[in-house]
C-alpha atoms as a PDB file:
ATOM      1  CA  MET A   1     142.684  95.905  88.272  1.00  0.00           C
ATOM      2  CA  ASP A   2     143.452  98.813  86.005  1.00  0.00           C
ATOM      3  CA  VAL A   3     146.182  98.154  83.424  1.00  0.00           C
ATOM      4  CA  VAL A   4     147.671 101.637  83.879  1.00  0.00           C
ATOM      5  CA  ARG A   5     147.978 101.095  87.628  1.00  0.00           C
ATOM      6  CA  MET A   6     149.607  97.704  87.056  1.00  0.00           C
ATOM      7  CA  LEU A   7     152.144  99.300  84.722  1.00  0.00           C
ATOM      8  CA  ASP A   8     152.952 101.986  87.303  1.00  0.00           C
ATOM      9  CA  GLU A   9     153.508  99.382  89.996  1.00  0.00           C
ATOM     10  CA  LEU A  10     155.742  97.301  87.735  1.00  0.00           C
ATOM     11  CA  LYS A  11     157.803 100.366  86.812  1.00  0.00           C
ATOM     12  CA  ARG A  12     158.292 101.203  90.505  1.00  0.00           C
ATOM     13  CA  GLU A  13     159.376  97.627  91.203  1.00  0.00           C
ATOM     14  CA  ARG A  14     161.799  97.733  88.262  1.00  0.00           C
ATOM     15  CA  GLU A  15     163.347 100.959  89.594  1.00  0.00           C
ATOM     16  CA  ALA A  16     163.736  99.433  93.051  1.00  0.00           C
ATOM     17  CA  ILE A  17     165.393  96.326  91.589  1.00  0.00           C
ATOM     18  CA  GLU A  18     167.771  98.455  89.499  1.00  0.00           C
ATOM     19  CA  GLU A  19     168.766 100.444  92.585  1.00  0.00           C
ATOM     20  CA  ALA A  20     169.411  97.216  94.489  1.00  0.00           C
ATOM     21  CA  ILE A  21     171.565  95.898  91.642  1.00  0.00           C
ATOM     22  CA  VAL A  22     173.634  99.083  91.542  1.00  0.00           C
ATOM     23  CA  THR A  23     174.121  98.954  95.305  1.00  0.00           C
ATOM     24  CA  LEU A  24     175.223  95.329  95.222  1.00  0.00           C
ATOM     25  CA  GLU A  25     177.625  96.049  92.356  1.00  0.00           C
ATOM     26  CA  ARG A  26     179.184  98.858  94.384  1.00  0.00           C
ATOM     27  CA  LEU A  27     179.542  96.583  97.385  1.00  0.00           C
ATOM     28  CA  ALA A  28     181.161  93.883  95.253  1.00  0.00           C
ATOM     29  CA  LYS A  29     183.691  96.359  93.865  1.00  0.00           C
ATOM     30  CA  GLY A  30     184.453  97.664  97.344  1.00  0.00           C
ATOM     31  CA  GLN A  31     185.480  94.271  98.729  1.00  0.00           C
ATOM     32  CA  ALA A  32     189.117  94.551  97.642  1.00  0.00           C
ATOM     33  CA  ARG A  33     191.424  97.018  99.372  1.00  0.00           C
ATOM     34  CA  ARG A  34     192.492  99.747  96.991  1.00  0.00           C
ATOM     35  CA  ARG A  35     195.027 102.488  97.196  1.00  0.00           C
ATOM     36  CA  GLY A  36     194.105 106.132  96.826  1.00  0.00           C
ATOM     37  CA  ARG A  37     190.987 108.140  97.511  1.00  0.00           C
ATOM     38  CA  PRO A  38     187.661 106.391  98.034  1.00  0.00           C
ATOM     39  CA  PRO A  39     185.037 106.779  95.319  1.00  0.00           C
ATOM     40  CA  ALA A  40     182.777 109.824  95.473  1.00  0.00           C
ATOM     41  CA  TRP A  41     179.702 107.784  96.422  1.00  0.00           C
ATOM     42  CA  MET A  42     181.538 106.295  99.419  1.00  0.00           C
ATOM     43  CA  SER A  43     182.753 109.700 100.605  1.00  0.00           C
ATOM     44  CA  GLU A  44     179.221 111.064 100.313  1.00  0.00           C
ATOM     45  CA  LEU A  45     177.866 108.146 102.333  1.00  0.00           C
ATOM     46  CA  ASN A  46     180.444 108.742 105.085  1.00  0.00           C
ATOM     47  CA  ARG A  47     179.567 112.461 105.181  1.00  0.00           C
ATOM     48  CA  LYS A  48     175.870 111.651 105.557  1.00  0.00           C
ATOM     49  CA  GLN A  49     176.567 109.232 108.403  1.00  0.00           C
ATOM     50  CA  ALA A  50     178.765 111.789 110.178  1.00  0.00           C
ATOM     51  CA  ALA A  51     176.012 114.425 109.907  1.00  0.00           C
ATOM     52  CA  GLU A  52     173.466 112.257 111.731  1.00  0.00           C
ATOM     53  CA  PRO A  53     172.963 113.284 115.374  1.00  0.00           C
ATOM     54  CA  VAL A  54     174.420 111.004 118.014  1.00  0.00           C
ATOM     55  CA  PRO A  55     171.942 109.854 120.690  1.00  0.00           C
ATOM     56  CA  ALA A  56     172.584 111.216 124.192  1.00  0.00           C
ATOM     57  CA  ALA A  57     172.802 107.678 125.621  1.00  0.00           C
ATOM     58  CA  VAL A  58     175.800 106.958 123.389  1.00  0.00           C
ATOM     59  CA  VAL A  59     177.529 110.238 124.202  1.00  0.00           C
ATOM     60  CA  GLN A  60     177.130 109.859 127.992  1.00  0.00           C
ATOM     61  CA  ARG A  61     178.637 106.430 128.354  1.00  0.00           C
ATOM     62  CA  GLY A  62     180.966 105.816 131.230  1.00  0.00           C
ATOM     63  CA  ARG A  63     180.862 104.944 134.879  1.00  0.00           C
ATOM     64  CA  GLY A  64     179.039 108.083 135.936  1.00  0.00           C
ATOM     65  CA  ARG A  65     181.711 109.340 138.314  1.00  0.00           C
ATOM     66  CA  LYS A  66     181.307 112.654 140.044  1.00  0.00           C
ATOM     67  CA  PRO A  67     183.745 115.441 139.203  1.00  0.00           C
ATOM     68  CA  VAL A  68     186.753 115.642 141.533  1.00  0.00           C
ATOM     69  CA  GLU A  69     185.679 118.970 143.029  1.00  0.00           C
ATOM     70  CA  ALA A  70     182.185 117.729 143.929  1.00  0.00           C
ATOM     71  CA  ALA A  71     183.534 114.496 145.432  1.00  0.00           C
ATOM     72  CA  ALA A  72     185.931 116.386 147.757  1.00  0.00           C
ATOM     73  CA  GLN A  73     183.110 118.326 149.493  1.00  0.00           C
END
């Protein structure tokens, strides 16, 4: 195995581990209820989740009743 390729793989793994550590640290800090505005990273995460499209199956939940006008005919 090429030493340069091994170094690249190890660097990618190190970056992934650092990202995981940062994420876990954020989660640990977020456990306690705080007063005031949420941190910027949490607001950004909520905005991203709100921007995701909602599947049609979730939107059309219910008992599937007919509208009142159609049922009267």
